[in-house]
Amino acid sequence: MRALLISDSLNLPKLLSPVSELKPSYVEAITNADSPVSVDRLLILKGDITNDCWVDVASERAKGFDLIALPASRDMREVAARIAARLGLPYVSGVTQVSIDDDIKASRLCFGGRGLELISVKLPSVLSFDLSAFEPSTGSPRSKEELGPRCDRRMRVLERRGKVAEVDLSKAETIVSVGRGLKRKEDLEIIRKLASLLGAEIACTRPISADLKWLPEERHVGMTGVRVRPRLYLALGISGQIQHVVGFRDAETVVSVNVDPEAPIGEVSDYFVIADLYEFVPKLIEALERK
């Protein structure tokens, strides 16, 4: 089996790790800077490399390869899909494990991380890998070559605007999170008071930030928001839809408060309090102030 790796230089050592387990007969890598990887040939692209350029160069080089592998980063997922479409090849994204017999057997998470999907695809094929669980595979390339591809820009940047986030929830040890059980924007004041007493950051579900816009987007925890790993996650008035749960599933302790005893969040909580948050939060604040 011949494998072609397409990646930025920082992710390339990790990308090589799952591909090496397949014991390919030949490995070639296309990257944007020198990288310490044990491949048969390392092609280093010089200049301003856009997504269009990655697609053009990789599609041309991919002929004759059985496996085309990329990281499942935001840009490279786009590149992978475009390469697969251009070459008419099957594409599997977000691969976490891979093996080979006659075909490729690829595993990836599904249902927001609650399940594992096993997919069988014919060779040749395109795979993008979730590299979070892989260790870098380092070494020295057997040969290196620099390429200066002529890539015409198809888009022009008119303006760049920086976005300054007021908080980084991924580093918070204690989080107080609110959902649609919060009835009015003004009621956030009592949540802020509770968070202050706990030394916590405030988070929310997607409707609170995206639909109602009561809190900024960087406080949205979930599949399309921030993923957090606090020591304590206090969920107030949150039903527990999978899109939100996937964002805090690595929390050490989850305490949820909901009026509905059948709320799905009870299944993923260490402590489930059946109560109205408008009764629970003032009593908790009172207890914390006494302490």
C-alpha atoms as a PDB file:
ATOM      1  CA  MET A   1       0.000   0.000   0.000  1.00  0.00           C
ATOM      2  CA  ARG A   2       1.238   3.482  -0.924  1.00  0.00           C
ATOM      3  CA  ALA A   3       0.238   6.344   1.376  1.00  0.00           C
ATOM      4  CA  LEU A   4       0.223  10.088   0.729  1.00  0.00           C
ATOM      5  CA  LEU A   5       0.103  12.396   3.763  1.00  0.00           C
ATOM      6  CA  ILE A   6      -1.073  15.993   3.409  1.00  0.00           C
ATOM      7  CA  SER A   7      -0.617  18.168   6.465  1.00  0.00           C
ATOM      8  CA  ASP A   8       0.907  21.263   7.984  1.00  0.00           C
ATOM      9  CA  SER A   9       4.295  20.566   9.552  1.00  0.00           C
ATOM     10  CA  LEU A  10       3.043  20.680  13.165  1.00  0.00           C
ATOM     11  CA  ASN A  11       0.401  17.964  12.690  1.00  0.00           C
ATOM     12  CA  LEU A  12       2.409  15.807  10.309  1.00  0.00           C
ATOM     13  CA  PRO A  13       4.223  13.688  12.986  1.00  0.00           C
ATOM     14  CA  LYS A  14       0.885  12.811  14.617  1.00  0.00           C
ATOM     15  CA  LEU A  15      -0.708  12.030  11.250  1.00  0.00           C
ATOM     16  CA  LEU A  16       2.115   9.639  10.441  1.00  0.00           C
ATOM     17  CA  SER A  17       1.407   7.608  13.598  1.00  0.00           C
ATOM     18  CA  PRO A  18      -1.881   5.878  12.546  1.00  0.00           C
ATOM     19  CA  VAL A  19      -0.717   5.545   8.941  1.00  0.00           C
ATOM     20  CA  SER A  20       2.509   3.809  10.036  1.00  0.00           C
ATOM     21  CA  GLU A  21       0.447   1.150  11.831  1.00  0.00           C
ATOM     22  CA  LEU A  22      -0.872   0.054   8.425  1.00  0.00           C
ATOM     23  CA  LYS A  23       2.712  -0.757   7.347  1.00  0.00           C
ATOM     24  CA  PRO A  24       2.615   0.986   3.965  1.00  0.00           C
ATOM     25  CA  SER A  25       5.298   0.080   1.420  1.00  0.00           C
ATOM     26  CA  TYR A  26       5.882   3.731   0.523  1.00  0.00           C
ATOM     27  CA  VAL A  27       4.987   6.989   2.297  1.00  0.00           C
ATOM     28  CA  GLU A  28       5.150  10.451   0.776  1.00  0.00           C
ATOM     29  CA  ALA A  29       4.216  13.632   2.634  1.00  0.00           C
ATOM     30  CA  ILE A  30       3.255  17.086   1.417  1.00  0.00           C
ATOM     31  CA  THR A  31       3.719  19.813   4.011  1.00  0.00           C
ATOM     32  CA  ASN A  32       4.460  23.516   4.357  1.00  0.00           C
ATOM     33  CA  ALA A  33       7.750  23.381   6.329  1.00  0.00           C
ATOM     34  CA  ASP A  34      10.459  20.943   7.333  1.00  0.00           C
ATOM     35  CA  SER A  35       9.181  18.282   9.723  1.00  0.00           C
ATOM     36  CA  PRO A  36      10.920  15.446  11.658  1.00  0.00           C
ATOM     37  CA  VAL A  37       9.059  12.506  10.121  1.00  0.00           C
ATOM     38  CA  SER A  38      10.326   9.167   8.840  1.00  0.00           C
ATOM     39  CA  VAL A  39       8.825   9.150   5.337  1.00  0.00           C
ATOM     40  CA  ASP A  40      10.249   8.048   2.028  1.00  0.00           C
ATOM     41  CA  ARG A  41       9.817  11.488   0.503  1.00  0.00           C
ATOM     42  CA  LEU A  42       9.029  14.853   2.066  1.00  0.00           C
ATOM     43  CA  LEU A  43       7.691  17.538  -0.271  1.00  0.00           C
ATOM     44  CA  ILE A  44       7.859  21.040   1.219  1.00  0.00           C
ATOM     45  CA  LEU A  45       5.628  23.652  -0.362  1.00  0.00           C
ATOM     46  CA  LYS A  46       7.073  27.150  -0.425  1.00  0.00           C
ATOM     47  CA  GLY A  47       5.193  30.418  -0.554  1.00  0.00           C
ATOM     48  CA  ASP A  48       1.730  31.474   0.534  1.00  0.00           C
ATOM     49  CA  ILE A  49      -0.195  28.175   0.566  1.00  0.00           C
ATOM     50  CA  THR A  50      -3.978  28.543   0.417  1.00  0.00           C
ATOM     51  CA  ASN A  51      -6.572  25.775   0.598  1.00  0.00           C
ATOM     52  CA  ASP A  52      -6.922  25.998  -3.175  1.00  0.00           C
ATOM     53  CA  CYS A  53      -3.190  25.396  -3.490  1.00  0.00           C
ATOM     54  CA  TRP A  54      -3.263  22.350  -1.192  1.00  0.00           C
ATOM     55  CA  VAL A  55      -6.069  20.871  -3.282  1.00  0.00           C
ATOM     56  CA  ASP A  56      -4.339  21.531  -6.623  1.00  0.00           C
ATOM     57  CA  VAL A  57      -0.960  20.141  -5.591  1.00  0.00           C
ATOM     58  CA  ALA A  58      -2.298  17.145  -3.646  1.00  0.00           C
ATOM     59  CA  SER A  59      -4.763  16.142  -6.374  1.00  0.00           C
ATOM     60  CA  GLU A  60      -1.948  16.083  -8.905  1.00  0.00           C
ATOM     61  CA  ARG A  61       0.406  14.100  -6.648  1.00  0.00           C
ATOM     62  CA  ALA A  62      -2.262  11.663  -5.420  1.00  0.00           C
ATOM     63  CA  LYS A  63      -2.364   9.585  -8.582  1.00  0.00           C
ATOM     64  CA  GLY A  64      -1.062   6.088  -7.894  1.00  0.00           C
ATOM     65  CA  PHE A  65      -1.544   6.242  -4.101  1.00  0.00           C
ATOM     66  CA  ASP A  66      -3.886   3.891  -2.225  1.00  0.00           C
ATOM     67  CA  LEU A  67      -4.435   6.029   0.878  1.00  0.00           C
ATOM     68  CA  ILE A  68      -4.564   9.818   1.104  1.00  0.00           C
ATOM     69  CA  ALA A  69      -4.474  10.944   4.743  1.00  0.00           C
ATOM     70  CA  LEU A  70      -5.001  14.376   6.273  1.00  0.00           C
ATOM     71  CA  PRO A  71      -5.631  15.765   9.774  1.00  0.00           C
ATOM     72  CA  ALA A  72      -9.266  16.464  10.630  1.00  0.00           C
ATOM     73  CA  SER A  73      -8.576  20.136  11.294  1.00  0.00           C
ATOM     74  CA  ARG A  74     -11.007  22.759  10.014  1.00  0.00           C
ATOM     75  CA  ASP A  75      -9.067  23.665   6.872  1.00  0.00           C
ATOM     76  CA  MET A  76      -7.847  20.159   6.113  1.00  0.00           C
ATOM     77  CA  ARG A  77     -11.357  18.684   6.309  1.00  0.00           C
ATOM     78  CA  GLU A  78     -12.298  21.059   3.517  1.00  0.00           C
ATOM     79  CA  VAL A  79      -9.166  20.145   1.546  1.00  0.00           C
ATOM     80  CA  ALA A  80      -9.817  16.413   2.025  1.00  0.00           C
ATOM     81  CA  ALA A  81     -13.405  16.641   0.800  1.00  0.00           C
ATOM     82  CA  ARG A  82     -12.361  18.618  -2.277  1.00  0.00           C
ATOM     83  CA  ILE A  83      -9.567  16.176  -3.140  1.00  0.00           C
ATOM     84  CA  ALA A  84     -11.966  13.240  -2.819  1.00  0.00           C
ATOM     85  CA  ALA A  85     -14.535  14.981  -5.037  1.00  0.00           C
ATOM     86  CA  ARG A  86     -11.952  15.914  -7.638  1.00  0.00           C
ATOM     87  CA  LEU A  87     -10.529  12.383  -7.835  1.00  0.00           C
ATOM     88  CA  GLY A  88     -13.857  10.571  -7.411  1.00  0.00           C
ATOM     89  CA  LEU A  89     -12.703   8.735  -4.251  1.00  0.00           C
ATOM     90  CA  PRO A  90     -14.560   7.746  -1.062  1.00  0.00           C
ATOM     91  CA  TYR A  91     -13.908  10.013   1.931  1.00  0.00           C
ATOM     92  CA  VAL A  92     -14.171   9.240   5.666  1.00  0.00           C
ATOM     93  CA  SER A  93     -13.726  12.113   8.129  1.00  0.00           C
ATOM     94  CA  GLY A  94     -12.781  12.198  11.821  1.00  0.00           C
ATOM     95  CA  VAL A  95     -11.163   8.744  11.904  1.00  0.00           C
ATOM     96  CA  THR A  96     -10.001   7.653  15.371  1.00  0.00           C
ATOM     97  CA  GLN A  97      -8.756   4.128  14.549  1.00  0.00           C
ATOM     98  CA  VAL A  98      -7.825   2.414  11.315  1.00  0.00           C
ATOM     99  CA  SER A  99      -6.870  -1.065  10.118  1.00  0.00           C
ATOM    100  CA  ILE A 100      -6.553  -2.789   6.771  1.00  0.00           C
ATOM    101  CA  ASP A 101      -7.203  -6.194   5.220  1.00  0.00           C
ATOM    102  CA  ASP A 102      -8.444  -6.071   1.654  1.00  0.00           C
ATOM    103  CA  ASP A 103     -10.237  -2.805   2.467  1.00  0.00           C
ATOM    104  CA  ILE A 104      -9.750   0.011   4.962  1.00  0.00           C
ATOM    105  CA  LYS A 105     -11.648  -0.384   8.256  1.00  0.00           C
ATOM    106  CA  ALA A 106     -12.054   3.048   9.838  1.00  0.00           C
ATOM    107  CA  SER A 107     -13.647   3.887  13.211  1.00  0.00           C
ATOM    108  CA  ARG A 108     -15.007   7.280  14.192  1.00  0.00           C
ATOM    109  CA  LEU A 109     -17.237   8.747  16.898  1.00  0.00           C
ATOM    110  CA  CYS A 110     -20.929   9.260  16.199  1.00  0.00           C
ATOM    111  CA  PHE A 111     -24.036  10.521  18.042  1.00  0.00           C
ATOM    112  CA  GLY A 112     -22.041  13.343  19.597  1.00  0.00           C
ATOM    113  CA  GLY A 113     -19.386  10.993  20.937  1.00  0.00           C
ATOM    114  CA  ARG A 114     -21.764   8.443  22.489  1.00  0.00           C
ATOM    115  CA  GLY A 115     -21.213   5.793  19.844  1.00  0.00           C
ATOM    116  CA  LEU A 116     -18.487   4.356  17.641  1.00  0.00           C
ATOM    117  CA  GLU A 117     -19.062   3.852  13.933  1.00  0.00           C
ATOM    118  CA  LEU A 118     -17.105   1.278  11.904  1.00  0.00           C
ATOM    119  CA  ILE A 119     -16.831   2.021   8.188  1.00  0.00           C
ATOM    120  CA  SER A 120     -15.347  -0.165   5.465  1.00  0.00           C
ATOM    121  CA  VAL A 121     -14.079   1.572   2.307  1.00  0.00           C
ATOM    122  CA  LYS A 122     -12.359   0.364  -0.820  1.00  0.00           C
ATOM    123  CA  LEU A 123      -8.879   1.512  -1.777  1.00  0.00           C
ATOM    124  CA  PRO A 124      -7.938   4.053  -2.946  1.00  0.00           C
ATOM    125  CA  SER A 125      -9.657   6.389  -0.480  1.00  0.00           C
ATOM    126  CA  VAL A 126      -9.267   9.655   1.427  1.00  0.00           C
ATOM    127  CA  LEU A 127      -9.266   9.742   5.252  1.00  0.00           C
ATOM    128  CA  SER A 128      -9.016  12.641   7.677  1.00  0.00           C
ATOM    129  CA  PHE A 129      -7.873  11.703  11.206  1.00  0.00           C
ATOM    130  CA  ASP A 130      -8.852  13.020  14.613  1.00  0.00           C
ATOM    131  CA  LEU A 131      -5.318  13.343  15.980  1.00  0.00           C
ATOM    132  CA  SER A 132      -6.195  14.027  19.629  1.00  0.00           C
ATOM    133  CA  ALA A 133      -5.447  10.433  20.727  1.00  0.00           C
ATOM    134  CA  PHE A 134      -2.278   9.868  18.692  1.00  0.00           C
ATOM    135  CA  GLU A 135       1.328  10.396  19.759  1.00  0.00           C
ATOM    136  CA  PRO A 136       3.781  11.915  17.249  1.00  0.00           C
ATOM    137  CA  SER A 137       5.868   9.522  15.175  1.00  0.00           C
ATOM    138  CA  THR A 138       9.216  11.193  14.551  1.00  0.00           C
ATOM    139  CA  GLY A 139      12.312  10.421  12.533  1.00  0.00           C
ATOM    140  CA  SER A 140      14.130  11.662   9.450  1.00  0.00           C
ATOM    141  CA  PRO A 141      12.844  11.703   5.869  1.00  0.00           C
ATOM    142  CA  ARG A 142      14.795   9.601   3.366  1.00  0.00           C
ATOM    143  CA  SER A 143      14.613  12.388   0.798  1.00  0.00           C
ATOM    144  CA  LYS A 144      13.388  15.983   0.699  1.00  0.00           C
ATOM    145  CA  GLU A 145      12.285  18.263  -2.098  1.00  0.00           C
ATOM    146  CA  GLU A 146      11.088  21.828  -2.163  1.00  0.00           C
ATOM    147  CA  LEU A 147       8.222  22.822  -4.425  1.00  0.00           C
ATOM    148  CA  GLY A 148       7.223  26.325  -5.387  1.00  0.00           C
ATOM    149  CA  PRO A 149       3.754  25.797  -6.813  1.00  0.00           C
ATOM    150  CA  ARG A 150       2.086  28.587  -8.744  1.00  0.00           C
ATOM    151  CA  CYS A 151      -1.189  29.042  -6.925  1.00  0.00           C
ATOM    152  CA  ASP A 152      -3.391  31.882  -8.034  1.00  0.00           C
ATOM    153  CA  ARG A 153      -5.502  33.322  -5.249  1.00  0.00           C
ATOM    154  CA  ARG A 154      -9.211  32.977  -5.971  1.00  0.00           C
ATOM    155  CA  MET A 155     -10.200  35.110  -3.005  1.00  0.00           C
ATOM    156  CA  ARG A 156      -8.935  38.443  -1.767  1.00  0.00           C
ATOM    157  CA  VAL A 157      -9.002  39.469   1.914  1.00  0.00           C
ATOM    158  CA  LEU A 158     -10.557  42.907   2.172  1.00  0.00           C
ATOM    159  CA  GLU A 159     -10.368  43.303   5.938  1.00  0.00           C
ATOM    160  CA  ARG A 160      -9.439  41.364   9.077  1.00  0.00           C
ATOM    161  CA  ARG A 161     -11.224  42.002  12.349  1.00  0.00           C
ATOM    162  CA  GLY A 162      -9.876  40.539  15.542  1.00  0.00           C
ATOM    163  CA  LYS A 163     -12.277  39.057  18.080  1.00  0.00           C
ATOM    164  CA  VAL A 164     -11.414  39.468  21.742  1.00  0.00           C
ATOM    165  CA  ALA A 165     -13.057  36.826  23.925  1.00  0.00           C
ATOM    166  CA  GLU A 166     -13.935  37.807  27.482  1.00  0.00           C
ATOM    167  CA  VAL A 167     -13.363  34.304  28.846  1.00  0.00           C
ATOM    168  CA  ASP A 168     -11.679  30.985  28.061  1.00  0.00           C
ATOM    169  CA  LEU A 169     -14.076  28.381  29.445  1.00  0.00           C
ATOM    170  CA  SER A 170     -11.738  25.521  28.554  1.00  0.00           C
ATOM    171  CA  LYS A 171      -9.517  26.570  31.484  1.00  0.00           C
ATOM    172  CA  ALA A 172     -12.287  27.066  34.060  1.00  0.00           C
ATOM    173  CA  GLU A 173     -12.320  24.722  37.069  1.00  0.00           C
ATOM    174  CA  THR A 174     -15.876  25.582  38.109  1.00  0.00           C
ATOM    175  CA  ILE A 175     -18.695  26.437  35.715  1.00  0.00           C
ATOM    176  CA  VAL A 176     -22.289  27.514  36.341  1.00  0.00           C
ATOM    177  CA  SER A 177     -24.285  26.910  33.159  1.00  0.00           C
ATOM    178  CA  VAL A 178     -27.814  28.019  32.310  1.00  0.00           C
ATOM    179  CA  GLY A 179     -30.383  26.865  29.771  1.00  0.00           C
ATOM    180  CA  ARG A 180     -33.933  27.647  28.755  1.00  0.00           C
ATOM    181  CA  GLY A 181     -35.081  27.172  32.335  1.00  0.00           C
ATOM    182  CA  LEU A 182     -33.873  30.762  32.821  1.00  0.00           C
ATOM    183  CA  LYS A 183     -36.932  32.863  31.969  1.00  0.00           C
ATOM    184  CA  ARG A 184     -35.579  36.405  31.672  1.00  0.00           C
ATOM    185  CA  LYS A 185     -32.282  38.028  30.788  1.00  0.00           C
ATOM    186  CA  GLU A 186     -32.489  40.080  33.998  1.00  0.00           C
ATOM    187  CA  ASP A 187     -32.355  36.848  35.987  1.00  0.00           C
ATOM    188  CA  LEU A 188     -28.726  36.405  34.939  1.00  0.00           C
ATOM    189  CA  GLU A 189     -27.869  38.694  37.869  1.00  0.00           C
ATOM    190  CA  ILE A 190     -28.688  35.982  40.389  1.00  0.00           C
ATOM    191  CA  ILE A 191     -26.629  33.521  38.329  1.00  0.00           C
ATOM    192  CA  ARG A 192     -23.699  35.956  38.363  1.00  0.00           C
ATOM    193  CA  LYS A 193     -23.995  36.256  42.133  1.00  0.00           C
ATOM    194  CA  LEU A 194     -23.912  32.471  42.521  1.00  0.00           C
ATOM    195  CA  ALA A 195     -20.943  32.188  40.158  1.00  0.00           C
ATOM    196  CA  SER A 196     -19.083  34.842  42.122  1.00  0.00           C
ATOM    197  CA  LEU A 197     -19.589  32.968  45.394  1.00  0.00           C
ATOM    198  CA  LEU A 198     -18.376  29.726  43.791  1.00  0.00           C
ATOM    199  CA  GLY A 199     -15.451  31.364  41.996  1.00  0.00           C
ATOM    200  CA  ALA A 200     -17.007  30.055  38.771  1.00  0.00           C
ATOM    201  CA  GLU A 201     -17.387  31.113  35.174  1.00  0.00           C
ATOM    202  CA  ILE A 202     -20.833  31.366  33.591  1.00  0.00           C
ATOM    203  CA  ALA A 203     -21.708  29.217  30.573  1.00  0.00           C
ATOM    204  CA  CYS A 204     -24.881  28.465  28.654  1.00  0.00           C
ATOM    205  CA  THR A 205     -26.620  26.348  26.057  1.00  0.00           C
ATOM    206  CA  ARG A 206     -26.830  27.414  22.427  1.00  0.00           C
ATOM    207  CA  PRO A 207     -30.331  29.008  22.576  1.00  0.00           C
ATOM    208  CA  ILE A 208     -29.179  31.394  25.326  1.00  0.00           C
ATOM    209  CA  SER A 209     -26.254  32.710  23.266  1.00  0.00           C
ATOM    210  CA  ALA A 210     -27.242  32.191  19.623  1.00  0.00           C
ATOM    211  CA  ASP A 211     -31.033  32.670  19.701  1.00  0.00           C
ATOM    212  CA  LEU A 212     -31.711  34.953  22.670  1.00  0.00           C
ATOM    213  CA  LYS A 213     -28.225  36.525  22.693  1.00  0.00           C
ATOM    214  CA  TRP A 214     -28.273  36.911  26.471  1.00  0.00           C
ATOM    215  CA  LEU A 215     -24.642  35.779  26.679  1.00  0.00           C
ATOM    216  CA  PRO A 216     -21.782  35.951  24.155  1.00  0.00           C
ATOM    217  CA  GLU A 217     -20.969  33.005  21.878  1.00  0.00           C
ATOM    218  CA  GLU A 218     -17.737  32.144  23.719  1.00  0.00           C
ATOM    219  CA  ARG A 219     -19.851  31.080  26.715  1.00  0.00           C
ATOM    220  CA  HIS A 220     -21.775  28.484  24.704  1.00  0.00           C
ATOM    221  CA  VAL A 221     -20.830  24.943  25.740  1.00  0.00           C
ATOM    222  CA  GLY A 222     -21.643  22.152  23.324  1.00  0.00           C
ATOM    223  CA  MET A 223     -20.964  20.370  20.069  1.00  0.00           C
ATOM    224  CA  THR A 224     -20.755  23.643  18.118  1.00  0.00           C
ATOM    225  CA  GLY A 225     -19.391  25.636  21.033  1.00  0.00           C
ATOM    226  CA  VAL A 226     -16.674  25.224  23.658  1.00  0.00           C
ATOM    227  CA  ARG A 227     -15.744  21.854  25.148  1.00  0.00           C
ATOM    228  CA  VAL A 228     -14.886  22.074  28.829  1.00  0.00           C
ATOM    229  CA  ARG A 229     -13.332  19.878  31.537  1.00  0.00           C
ATOM    230  CA  PRO A 230     -14.085  21.602  34.867  1.00  0.00           C
ATOM    231  CA  ARG A 231     -13.894  20.008  38.292  1.00  0.00           C
ATOM    232  CA  LEU A 232     -17.533  21.069  38.823  1.00  0.00           C
ATOM    233  CA  TYR A 233     -20.211  21.715  36.204  1.00  0.00           C
ATOM    234  CA  LEU A 234     -23.448  23.074  37.701  1.00  0.00           C
ATOM    235  CA  ALA A 235     -26.242  22.916  35.106  1.00  0.00           C
ATOM    236  CA  LEU A 236     -29.295  25.041  35.874  1.00  0.00           C
ATOM    237  CA  GLY A 237     -32.496  24.635  33.872  1.00  0.00           C
ATOM    238  CA  ILE A 238     -30.802  22.597  31.130  1.00  0.00           C
ATOM    239  CA  SER A 239     -32.721  19.706  29.584  1.00  0.00           C
ATOM    240  CA  GLY A 240     -29.611  17.781  28.496  1.00  0.00           C
ATOM    241  CA  GLN A 241     -29.771  17.478  24.719  1.00  0.00           C
ATOM    242  CA  ILE A 242     -26.784  15.608  23.282  1.00  0.00           C
ATOM    243  CA  GLN A 243     -25.566  18.729  21.449  1.00  0.00           C
ATOM    244  CA  HIS A 244     -24.927  20.345  24.844  1.00  0.00           C
ATOM    245  CA  VAL A 245     -23.881  17.257  26.797  1.00  0.00           C
ATOM    246  CA  VAL A 246     -20.967  16.521  24.462  1.00  0.00           C
ATOM    247  CA  GLY A 247     -19.462  19.852  25.528  1.00  0.00           C
ATOM    248  CA  PHE A 248     -19.104  18.959  29.239  1.00  0.00           C
ATOM    249  CA  ARG A 249     -18.924  15.152  29.242  1.00  0.00           C
ATOM    250  CA  ASP A 250     -15.322  15.255  30.549  1.00  0.00           C
ATOM    251  CA  ALA A 251     -16.281  17.268  33.657  1.00  0.00           C
ATOM    252  CA  GLU A 252     -15.148  15.679  36.925  1.00  0.00           C
ATOM    253  CA  THR A 253     -18.476  16.262  38.719  1.00  0.00           C
ATOM    254  CA  VAL A 254     -21.801  17.270  37.177  1.00  0.00           C
ATOM    255  CA  VAL A 255     -24.631  18.666  39.311  1.00  0.00           C
ATOM    256  CA  SER A 256     -27.873  19.463  37.489  1.00  0.00           C
ATOM    257  CA  VAL A 257     -31.051  21.189  38.619  1.00  0.00           C
ATOM    258  CA  ASN A 258     -34.276  20.721  36.659  1.00  0.00           C
ATOM    259  CA  VAL A 259     -37.999  20.740  37.400  1.00  0.00           C
ATOM    260  CA  ASP A 260     -38.525  17.745  35.106  1.00  0.00           C
ATOM    261  CA  PRO A 261     -37.612  14.441  36.793  1.00  0.00           C
ATOM    262  CA  GLU A 262     -37.417  12.825  33.322  1.00  0.00           C
ATOM    263  CA  ALA A 263     -34.985  15.407  31.893  1.00  0.00           C
ATOM    264  CA  PRO A 264     -32.212  13.642  29.928  1.00  0.00           C
ATOM    265  CA  ILE A 265     -29.522  15.543  31.820  1.00  0.00           C
ATOM    266  CA  GLY A 266     -30.273  13.407  34.857  1.00  0.00           C
ATOM    267  CA  GLU A 267     -28.698  10.428  33.084  1.00  0.00           C
ATOM    268  CA  VAL A 268     -25.322  12.172  32.743  1.00  0.00           C
ATOM    269  CA  SER A 269     -25.267  13.873  36.157  1.00  0.00           C
ATOM    270  CA  ASP A 270     -23.480  12.769  39.310  1.00  0.00           C
ATOM    271  CA  TYR A 271     -26.097  14.642  41.359  1.00  0.00           C
ATOM    272  CA  PHE A 272     -29.565  15.394  39.968  1.00  0.00           C
ATOM    273  CA  VAL A 273     -31.703  17.894  41.916  1.00  0.00           C
ATOM    274  CA  ILE A 274     -35.380  17.969  40.968  1.00  0.00           C
ATOM    275  CA  ALA A 275     -36.245  21.583  41.697  1.00  0.00           C
ATOM    276  CA  ASP A 276     -37.027  24.945  40.149  1.00  0.00           C
ATOM    277  CA  LEU A 277     -33.797  26.894  39.719  1.00  0.00           C
ATOM    278  CA  TYR A 278     -35.632  29.987  41.006  1.00  0.00           C
ATOM    279  CA  GLU A 279     -36.073  28.211  44.332  1.00  0.00           C
ATOM    280  CA  PHE A 280     -32.782  26.312  44.347  1.00  0.00           C
ATOM    281  CA  VAL A 281     -30.355  29.119  43.452  1.00  0.00           C
ATOM    282  CA  PRO A 282     -31.433  31.618  46.192  1.00  0.00           C
ATOM    283  CA  LYS A 283     -31.193  28.868  48.827  1.00  0.00           C
ATOM    284  CA  LEU A 284     -27.745  27.864  47.582  1.00  0.00           C
ATOM    285  CA  ILE A 285     -26.611  31.480  47.638  1.00  0.00           C
ATOM    286  CA  GLU A 286     -27.927  31.842  51.183  1.00  0.00           C
ATOM    287  CA  ALA A 287     -26.061  28.720  52.280  1.00  0.00           C
ATOM    288  CA  LEU A 288     -22.825  29.871  50.638  1.00  0.00           C
ATOM    289  CA  GLU A 289     -23.083  33.315  52.243  1.00  0.00           C
ATOM    290  CA  ARG A 290     -23.569  31.736  55.681  1.00  0.00           C
ATOM    291  CA  LYS A 291     -20.507  29.572  55.108  1.00  0.00           C
END
